[in-house]
Amino acid sequence: MLAPDHRATITATLPVVAANATAISGRFYERMLGAHPELRNVFNQGNQASGEQKQALAGAVYAYAQHCDHPAAIEPLLNRIAHKHASLGISPDMYTIVGRHLMAAIGEVLGDAVTAGIAEAWDTVYWRFAGELIAREAVLYNDAGITPASFLREYEVVERVNEGDVAVSLRLLPTDDAPPPAFRPGQYVSVQVELPHLRQLRQYSLSDAADGRTLRITVKQEAGDDVRPDGLVSMHLARHADVGSRWLVSNPFGDLALATGAATPVVMISAGVGVTPMVAMRRHLATRQPQRAGVFVHVAAHGGRHILKRELAPAANIADLIFYDDARDADRLGTDYHHAGRFDLAEHAAAIVRPDADYYLCGPLAFMTAQRGALLGLGVAAARVHFEVFGPDLLTATL
């Protein structure tokens, strides 16, 4: 709990901080990256260019300040951030750098309005936020048997498969002859890419169940440019990750992970590239838990954009429901997809909703928000609905 005077100060100043949050974050990044240009390799430069990273940081700190006396309300947020940080090799000393420049940015943007008492209260909140994350990340590093200095490992591409018009799957084999780390379906890895004058890490869901020998990721090919290099990373992988090429990859992390020890039914609902962690879950259920019932729902524009379509071999314990928004003439109703037009969960509730099931969502934030709302409206308990978010939405999304 915050001290009463700090809580009163935070409550009183939240509105003005919220109103200036993006400006504060913008100044923070200018200061920090100017003083520590090496951190450009850690922060997503695509999101920096678009301003999304600024909004994400502002949202995360604001959410923590608002709810820090109620841990349950921000537990999902803290866990999501900690898992992503572990995949990036974030170390405790980085929080000192962030804190120094964040507090300076608050002072510069708000000026004389920041009294010593206000500065002290917000510094306290920041270090509570940082301490929560440092503790969680320490556990993740310890459980994985790694440190922030040794979080990347070399893998070789041993298989490359095009996935429709928009993606490529890469099967990765460790080059040190040791097996890859164990993981749960639904988790992701970070892949390091060396671009001209820029090193970046991006997260990609593991798109196959564990086989004890390799990892597989599926990369959507997205256009990018020098202003917004987000797409440059995926396009670089798509163009250069040939069989035999080698890449540095993190351990698997991510808190959207199938509870593999449970027996409850599983409902997987995805759209677009959000299908990748769901395919890993589906494969696990089909091959490792054939007695466990599943429903696999996926929404794609058409067959050319149906990523990992070839992975959907019939499984006795899984009911598949594939929806194409804009089916093409070559797409076969009943074979490639089951329903045409916009997906409406409530309309298909009889085939999807199970009262005792766990639900996993992955796709664009608006899609997941709509599906979660539909599930809650149909009586599904919020605790049974799990979701994965990538990009800057990861830091703030609560659906």
Protein backbone atom coordinates (compact mmCIF):
# COMPACT_ATOMS: atom_id res chain seq x y z
CA MET A 1 0.00 0.00 0.00
CA LEU A 2 1.13 3.54 -0.70
CA ALA A 3 1.55 5.83 2.27
CA PRO A 4 -1.60 7.94 2.76
CA ASP A 5 0.10 11.17 1.71
CA HIS A 6 1.52 9.55 -1.43
CA ARG A 7 -1.85 8.03 -2.30
CA ALA A 8 -3.56 11.41 -1.88
CA THR A 9 -0.93 13.07 -4.08
CA ILE A 10 -1.20 10.43 -6.80
CA THR A 11 -5.00 10.61 -6.79
CA ALA A 12 -4.91 14.39 -7.05
CA THR A 13 -2.34 14.47 -9.87
CA LEU A 14 -3.51 11.52 -11.98
CA PRO A 15 -5.72 13.73 -14.20
CA VAL A 16 -2.95 16.17 -15.09
CA VAL A 17 -0.43 13.37 -15.64
CA ALA A 18 -2.94 11.52 -17.83
CA ALA A 19 -3.61 14.67 -19.86
CA ASN A 20 0.12 15.08 -20.49
CA ALA A 21 1.11 11.41 -20.57
CA THR A 22 2.00 11.24 -24.26
CA ALA A 23 4.08 14.42 -24.04
CA ILE A 24 5.83 13.08 -20.94
CA SER A 25 6.57 9.78 -22.67
CA GLY A 26 7.79 11.53 -25.80
CA ARG A 27 10.21 13.67 -23.83
CA PHE A 28 11.26 10.63 -21.81
CA TYR A 29 12.25 8.69 -24.94
CA GLU A 30 14.07 11.70 -26.41
CA ARG A 31 16.12 12.07 -23.23
CA MET A 32 16.80 8.39 -22.63
CA LEU A 33 17.63 7.37 -26.20
CA GLY A 34 19.76 10.48 -26.61
CA ALA A 35 21.78 9.56 -23.53
CA HIS A 36 21.73 5.80 -24.19
CA PRO A 37 21.51 5.17 -27.95
CA GLU A 38 22.30 1.50 -27.35
CA LEU A 39 18.76 1.12 -25.99
CA ARG A 40 17.35 1.77 -29.46
CA ASN A 41 18.07 -1.90 -30.02
CA VAL A 42 15.71 -2.79 -27.16
CA PHE A 43 12.76 -0.53 -27.91
CA ASN A 44 10.61 -1.22 -30.97
CA GLN A 45 11.59 1.48 -33.44
CA GLY A 46 8.48 0.92 -35.54
CA ASN A 47 6.28 1.76 -32.59
CA GLN A 48 8.59 4.64 -31.71
CA ALA A 49 8.13 6.11 -35.18
CA SER A 50 4.36 5.82 -35.03
CA GLY A 51 4.07 7.15 -31.48
CA GLU A 52 2.46 3.92 -30.25
CA GLN A 53 5.34 3.12 -27.89
CA LYS A 54 4.91 6.50 -26.22
CA GLN A 55 1.21 5.87 -25.68
CA ALA A 56 1.92 2.36 -24.42
CA LEU A 57 4.40 3.45 -21.77
CA ALA A 58 2.10 6.23 -20.65
CA GLY A 59 -0.81 3.83 -20.39
CA ALA A 60 1.13 1.23 -18.42
CA VAL A 61 2.50 3.66 -15.83
CA TYR A 62 -0.86 5.39 -15.50
CA ALA A 63 -2.66 2.05 -15.03
CA TYR A 64 -0.21 1.02 -12.33
CA ALA A 65 -0.51 4.35 -10.50
CA GLN A 66 -4.29 4.07 -10.62
CA HIS A 67 -4.47 0.51 -9.31
CA CYS A 68 -1.26 -0.12 -7.36
CA ASP A 69 -3.18 -0.54 -4.09
CA HIS A 70 -5.29 -3.27 -5.73
CA PRO A 71 -2.80 -5.87 -7.05
CA ALA A 72 -5.40 -8.21 -8.54
CA ALA A 73 -6.55 -5.50 -10.95
CA ILE A 74 -3.12 -5.13 -12.55
CA GLU A 75 -1.78 -8.68 -12.21
CA PRO A 76 -2.44 -9.52 -15.90
CA LEU A 77 -0.73 -6.30 -17.00
CA LEU A 78 2.36 -6.97 -14.88
CA ASN A 79 2.63 -10.57 -16.03
CA ARG A 80 2.35 -9.65 -19.71
CA ILE A 81 5.02 -6.97 -19.41
CA ALA A 82 7.36 -9.23 -17.41
CA HIS A 83 7.15 -12.03 -19.98
CA LYS A 84 7.89 -9.65 -22.83
CA HIS A 85 10.78 -8.08 -20.91
CA ALA A 86 12.26 -11.53 -20.26
CA SER A 87 12.11 -12.26 -23.99
CA LEU A 88 14.06 -9.03 -24.56
CA GLY A 89 16.72 -9.62 -21.90
CA ILE A 90 15.72 -6.60 -19.81
CA SER A 91 18.02 -6.25 -16.79
CA PRO A 92 17.42 -4.49 -13.44
CA ASP A 93 19.91 -1.72 -14.22
CA MET A 94 17.76 -0.62 -17.15
CA TYR A 95 15.02 0.36 -14.71
CA THR A 96 17.39 2.85 -13.09
CA ILE A 97 17.98 4.49 -16.46
CA VAL A 98 14.27 4.54 -17.26
CA GLY A 99 13.36 5.94 -13.84
CA ARG A 100 15.92 8.73 -14.01
CA HIS A 101 14.75 9.96 -17.41
CA LEU A 102 11.06 9.43 -16.73
CA MET A 103 11.10 11.57 -13.61
CA ALA A 104 13.13 14.24 -15.41
CA ALA A 105 10.61 14.21 -18.27
CA ILE A 106 7.71 14.69 -15.85
CA GLY A 107 9.48 17.70 -14.39
CA GLU A 108 10.25 19.19 -17.81
CA VAL A 109 6.72 18.79 -19.17
CA LEU A 110 4.79 19.85 -16.07
CA GLY A 111 7.30 22.45 -14.93
CA ASP A 112 6.75 24.26 -11.65
CA ALA A 113 3.57 22.27 -11.00
CA VAL A 114 5.82 19.39 -9.90
CA THR A 115 6.52 20.09 -6.25
CA ALA A 116 8.97 18.06 -4.19
CA GLY A 117 6.03 16.12 -2.74
CA ILE A 118 4.60 15.30 -6.16
CA ALA A 119 8.00 14.21 -7.45
CA GLU A 120 8.49 11.98 -4.41
CA ALA A 121 5.06 10.35 -4.79
CA TRP A 122 5.52 9.57 -8.48
CA ASP A 123 9.07 8.34 -7.92
CA THR A 124 7.69 5.97 -5.27
CA VAL A 125 5.03 4.70 -7.66
CA TYR A 126 7.58 4.18 -10.42
CA TRP A 127 9.90 2.16 -8.20
CA ARG A 128 7.04 0.03 -6.94
CA PHE A 129 6.13 -0.62 -10.58
CA ALA A 130 9.76 -1.39 -11.42
CA GLY A 131 10.19 -3.58 -8.36
CA GLU A 132 7.15 -5.67 -9.27
CA LEU A 133 8.53 -6.25 -12.75
CA ILE A 134 12.10 -6.91 -11.63
CA ALA A 135 10.87 -9.57 -9.19
CA ARG A 136 8.71 -11.28 -11.81
CA GLU A 137 11.45 -11.18 -14.41
CA ALA A 138 13.97 -12.64 -11.95
CA VAL A 139 11.67 -15.63 -11.46
CA LEU A 140 11.27 -16.07 -15.22
CA TYR A 141 15.03 -15.92 -15.81
CA ASN A 142 15.70 -18.33 -12.96
CA ASP A 143 13.07 -20.81 -14.14
CA ALA A 144 14.55 -20.69 -17.65
CA GLY A 145 18.13 -21.08 -16.38
CA ILE A 146 19.30 -17.93 -18.16
CA THR A 147 20.34 -14.36 -17.35
CA PRO A 148 19.71 -11.09 -19.19
CA ALA A 149 23.25 -11.41 -20.53
CA SER A 150 22.64 -14.90 -21.93
CA PHE A 151 19.02 -14.77 -23.06
CA LEU A 152 19.73 -15.38 -26.77
CA ARG A 153 20.76 -18.67 -28.33
CA GLU A 154 21.73 -19.49 -31.91
CA TYR A 155 19.36 -21.52 -34.08
CA GLU A 156 19.57 -22.67 -37.69
CA VAL A 157 16.65 -22.68 -40.11
CA VAL A 158 16.15 -26.32 -41.15
CA GLU A 159 12.77 -25.95 -42.87
CA ARG A 160 10.99 -23.11 -44.62
CA VAL A 161 7.36 -23.29 -45.79
CA ASN A 162 5.30 -20.55 -47.43
CA GLU A 163 1.91 -20.07 -45.77
CA GLY A 164 -0.52 -18.76 -48.37
CA ASP A 165 0.14 -15.28 -49.70
CA VAL A 166 1.20 -13.57 -46.51
CA ALA A 167 3.44 -15.63 -44.23
CA VAL A 168 6.30 -18.08 -43.96
CA SER A 169 6.93 -20.78 -41.36
CA LEU A 170 10.49 -21.36 -40.16
CA ARG A 171 11.57 -24.47 -38.27
CA LEU A 172 14.57 -23.72 -36.05
CA LEU A 173 17.17 -26.16 -34.70
CA PRO A 174 19.62 -25.17 -31.92
CA THR A 175 23.18 -25.12 -33.25
CA ASP A 176 24.71 -26.25 -29.95
CA ASP A 177 23.29 -29.80 -30.25
CA ALA A 178 21.27 -29.38 -27.03
CA PRO A 179 17.48 -29.61 -27.17
CA PRO A 180 15.42 -26.42 -27.26
CA PRO A 181 13.73 -25.25 -24.06
CA ALA A 182 10.43 -26.78 -23.07
CA PHE A 183 7.43 -24.54 -23.62
CA ARG A 184 3.67 -24.54 -23.40
CA PRO A 185 1.52 -24.04 -26.49
CA GLY A 186 0.66 -20.37 -26.82
CA GLN A 187 4.07 -18.97 -25.89
CA TYR A 188 6.39 -16.93 -28.11
CA VAL A 189 10.08 -16.24 -28.69
CA SER A 190 11.98 -13.09 -29.63
CA VAL A 191 14.11 -13.22 -32.78
CA GLN A 192 16.99 -10.79 -33.25
CA VAL A 193 17.36 -9.24 -36.68
CA GLU A 194 20.32 -7.15 -37.85
CA LEU A 195 19.15 -4.40 -40.19
CA PRO A 196 21.39 -1.66 -41.62
CA HIS A 197 22.30 0.56 -38.65
CA LEU A 198 19.62 -1.11 -36.54
CA ARG A 199 19.32 -4.23 -34.41
CA GLN A 200 15.80 -5.22 -33.43
CA LEU A 201 14.02 -8.00 -31.57
CA ARG A 202 10.51 -9.08 -32.48
CA GLN A 203 8.18 -11.58 -30.85
CA TYR A 204 6.75 -14.50 -32.83
CA SER A 205 4.40 -17.13 -31.47
CA LEU A 206 5.54 -20.72 -31.58
CA SER A 207 3.27 -22.29 -34.18
CA ASP A 208 3.74 -25.98 -33.43
CA ALA A 209 3.59 -28.14 -30.34
CA ALA A 210 6.89 -29.04 -28.68
CA ASP A 211 8.76 -31.91 -30.33
CA GLY A 212 11.88 -31.84 -28.12
CA ARG A 213 14.12 -31.04 -31.09
CA THR A 214 13.05 -27.86 -32.88
CA LEU A 215 10.96 -24.71 -32.57
CA ARG A 216 8.72 -23.34 -35.29
CA ILE A 217 7.66 -19.74 -35.81
CA THR A 218 5.38 -18.29 -38.47
CA VAL A 219 6.17 -14.79 -39.72
CA LYS A 220 3.59 -12.58 -41.39
CA GLN A 221 5.10 -10.54 -44.20
CA GLU A 222 4.20 -6.90 -43.53
CA ALA A 223 5.29 -3.95 -45.61
CA GLY A 224 7.50 -1.43 -43.84
CA ASP A 225 9.77 1.49 -44.62
CA ASP A 226 12.59 3.53 -43.11
CA VAL A 227 10.12 5.62 -41.15
CA ARG A 228 8.31 2.67 -39.67
CA PRO A 229 10.65 -0.35 -39.68
CA ASP A 230 8.21 -2.71 -37.97
CA GLY A 231 7.44 -4.38 -41.29
CA LEU A 232 11.11 -4.32 -42.25
CA VAL A 233 11.86 -6.87 -39.54
CA SER A 234 9.30 -9.41 -40.69
CA MET A 235 10.14 -8.78 -44.35
CA HIS A 236 13.85 -9.21 -43.59
CA LEU A 237 13.13 -12.59 -42.03
CA ALA A 238 10.86 -13.58 -44.90
CA ARG A 239 13.51 -12.65 -47.46
CA HIS A 240 16.66 -13.85 -45.72
CA ALA A 241 15.70 -16.70 -43.38
CA ASP A 242 16.60 -19.42 -45.86
CA VAL A 243 17.39 -22.99 -44.90
CA GLY A 244 20.87 -22.96 -43.38
CA SER A 245 20.73 -19.36 -42.14
CA ARG A 246 21.33 -18.74 -38.44
CA TRP A 247 19.49 -16.45 -36.04
CA LEU A 248 19.61 -15.52 -32.37
CA VAL A 249 16.43 -16.52 -30.55
CA SER A 250 15.23 -16.09 -26.96
CA ASN A 251 13.72 -18.69 -24.67
CA PRO A 252 9.95 -19.12 -24.97
CA PHE A 253 7.89 -16.77 -22.82
CA GLY A 254 4.31 -15.53 -22.69
CA ASP A 255 1.51 -15.88 -20.19
CA LEU A 256 -1.13 -16.99 -22.71
CA ALA A 257 -0.28 -20.66 -22.45
CA LEU A 258 -2.47 -23.72 -22.62
CA ALA A 259 -2.98 -25.37 -19.24
CA THR A 260 -1.63 -28.71 -20.42
CA GLY A 261 -2.34 -30.45 -17.13
CA ALA A 262 -6.05 -29.66 -17.21
CA ALA A 263 -8.86 -31.72 -18.72
CA THR A 264 -11.39 -28.94 -19.34
CA PRO A 265 -12.56 -28.33 -22.92
CA VAL A 266 -10.62 -25.71 -24.87
CA VAL A 267 -12.11 -23.15 -27.26
CA MET A 268 -9.57 -21.39 -29.49
CA ILE A 269 -10.75 -18.27 -31.36
CA SER A 270 -8.39 -16.39 -33.68
CA ALA A 271 -8.20 -14.03 -36.64
CA GLY A 272 -5.41 -13.39 -39.12
CA VAL A 273 -1.90 -14.14 -37.89
CA GLY A 274 -3.42 -14.70 -34.43
CA VAL A 275 -3.89 -18.27 -35.58
CA THR A 276 -0.23 -19.12 -34.88
CA PRO A 277 -0.41 -19.85 -31.13
CA MET A 278 -3.79 -21.52 -31.63
CA VAL A 279 -2.35 -24.00 -34.11
CA ALA A 280 0.24 -24.97 -31.50
CA MET A 281 -2.56 -25.50 -28.96
CA ARG A 282 -4.61 -27.48 -31.46
CA ARG A 283 -1.66 -29.72 -32.34
CA HIS A 284 -1.01 -30.38 -28.66
CA LEU A 285 -4.63 -31.32 -28.01
CA ALA A 286 -4.79 -33.56 -31.07
CA THR A 287 -1.55 -35.43 -30.37
CA ARG A 288 -0.93 -35.22 -26.61
CA GLN A 289 -4.42 -34.95 -25.10
CA PRO A 290 -6.73 -36.72 -27.56
CA GLN A 291 -9.27 -37.24 -24.78
CA ARG A 292 -9.63 -33.48 -24.23
CA ALA A 293 -12.32 -31.77 -26.31
CA GLY A 294 -11.54 -28.65 -28.31
CA VAL A 295 -13.24 -26.16 -30.62
CA PHE A 296 -11.00 -24.37 -33.12
CA VAL A 297 -12.46 -21.18 -34.62
CA HIS A 298 -10.49 -19.12 -37.13
CA VAL A 299 -11.40 -16.10 -39.22
CA ALA A 300 -9.46 -15.22 -42.39
CA ALA A 301 -10.13 -13.00 -45.38
CA HIS A 302 -9.87 -15.92 -47.83
CA GLY A 303 -7.80 -19.00 -48.56
CA GLY A 304 -4.76 -17.02 -49.66
CA ARG A 305 -4.64 -15.38 -46.25
CA HIS A 306 -5.47 -18.50 -44.26
CA ILE A 307 -2.16 -18.99 -42.49
CA LEU A 308 -1.23 -22.58 -41.53
CA LYS A 309 -4.27 -23.99 -43.32
CA ARG A 310 -2.40 -27.20 -44.08
CA GLU A 311 -2.00 -27.86 -40.34
CA LEU A 312 -5.70 -28.52 -39.78
CA ALA A 313 -5.73 -32.28 -40.23
CA PRO A 314 -8.98 -33.73 -38.87
CA ALA A 315 -8.81 -34.68 -35.19
CA ALA A 316 -11.50 -36.68 -33.44
CA ASN A 317 -11.47 -34.48 -30.35
CA ILE A 318 -11.54 -31.10 -32.14
CA ALA A 319 -14.39 -29.37 -33.95
CA ASP A 320 -13.10 -26.90 -36.56
CA LEU A 321 -15.05 -23.82 -37.66
CA ILE A 322 -13.33 -21.75 -40.35
CA PHE A 323 -14.82 -18.45 -41.51
CA TYR A 324 -13.78 -16.56 -44.66
CA ASP A 325 -14.84 -12.91 -44.83
CA ASP A 326 -14.39 -12.71 -48.60
CA ALA A 327 -14.05 -16.22 -50.03
CA ARG A 328 -12.51 -16.50 -53.50
CA ASP A 329 -13.70 -18.73 -56.32
CA ALA A 330 -10.87 -21.18 -55.62
CA ASP A 331 -11.86 -21.56 -51.95
CA ARG A 332 -13.90 -24.71 -51.35
CA LEU A 333 -16.85 -24.45 -49.00
CA GLY A 334 -16.89 -27.44 -46.66
CA THR A 335 -13.22 -28.22 -47.33
CA ASP A 336 -11.24 -24.99 -46.95
CA TYR A 337 -13.84 -23.14 -44.90
CA HIS A 338 -17.24 -23.71 -43.31
CA HIS A 339 -18.92 -20.30 -43.32
CA ALA A 340 -18.69 -17.20 -45.52
CA GLY A 341 -19.16 -13.63 -44.38
CA ARG A 342 -18.56 -11.79 -41.16
CA PHE A 343 -18.05 -13.94 -38.06
CA ASP A 344 -20.73 -13.51 -35.39
CA LEU A 345 -19.95 -15.55 -32.28
CA ALA A 346 -23.45 -15.27 -30.84
CA GLU A 347 -24.91 -16.65 -34.06
CA HIS A 348 -22.74 -19.76 -33.75
CA ALA A 349 -22.83 -20.04 -29.96
CA ALA A 350 -24.38 -23.50 -30.01
CA ALA A 351 -21.33 -24.89 -31.80
CA ILE A 352 -18.73 -22.89 -29.88
CA VAL A 353 -19.72 -22.17 -26.29
CA ARG A 354 -19.14 -24.79 -23.62
CA PRO A 355 -20.05 -23.88 -20.02
CA ASP A 356 -16.97 -25.55 -18.52
CA ALA A 357 -14.45 -24.59 -21.23
CA ASP A 358 -11.42 -22.33 -21.17
CA TYR A 359 -11.34 -19.79 -24.01
CA TYR A 360 -8.21 -18.50 -25.74
CA LEU A 361 -8.32 -15.46 -28.03
CA CYS A 362 -5.66 -14.09 -30.38
CA GLY A 363 -5.93 -11.57 -33.17
CA PRO A 364 -6.37 -7.82 -33.63
CA LEU A 365 -7.33 -6.05 -30.41
CA ALA A 366 -10.73 -4.98 -31.75
CA PHE A 367 -11.49 -8.59 -32.72
CA MET A 368 -10.57 -9.92 -29.29
CA THR A 369 -12.54 -7.19 -27.55
CA ALA A 370 -15.62 -8.11 -29.57
CA GLN A 371 -15.27 -11.85 -28.94
CA ARG A 372 -14.64 -11.43 -25.22
CA GLY A 373 -17.69 -9.21 -24.98
CA ALA A 374 -19.78 -11.77 -26.82
CA LEU A 375 -18.59 -14.58 -24.55
CA LEU A 376 -19.33 -12.62 -21.40
CA GLY A 377 -22.75 -11.77 -22.81
CA LEU A 378 -23.39 -15.48 -23.29
CA GLY A 379 -22.61 -16.16 -19.64
CA VAL A 380 -18.97 -17.24 -19.84
CA ALA A 381 -17.01 -16.27 -16.71
CA ALA A 382 -14.35 -13.62 -17.33
CA ALA A 383 -11.72 -15.77 -15.58
CA ARG A 384 -12.15 -18.41 -18.29
CA VAL A 385 -11.32 -16.03 -21.15
CA HIS A 386 -7.60 -15.67 -21.90
CA PHE A 387 -6.03 -13.53 -24.61
CA GLU A 388 -2.70 -12.73 -26.22
CA VAL A 389 -1.67 -9.24 -27.31
CA PHE A 390 1.39 -8.19 -29.31
CA GLY A 391 2.76 -4.77 -30.10
CA PRO A 392 2.22 -1.75 -27.85
CA ASP A 393 -1.29 -2.93 -26.95
CA LEU A 394 0.42 -5.59 -24.83
CA LEU A 395 1.27 -2.98 -22.22
CA THR A 396 -2.23 -1.67 -21.66
CA ALA A 397 -4.87 -4.01 -23.08
CA THR A 398 -7.44 -5.27 -20.63
CA LEU A 399 -10.23 -5.86 -23.19
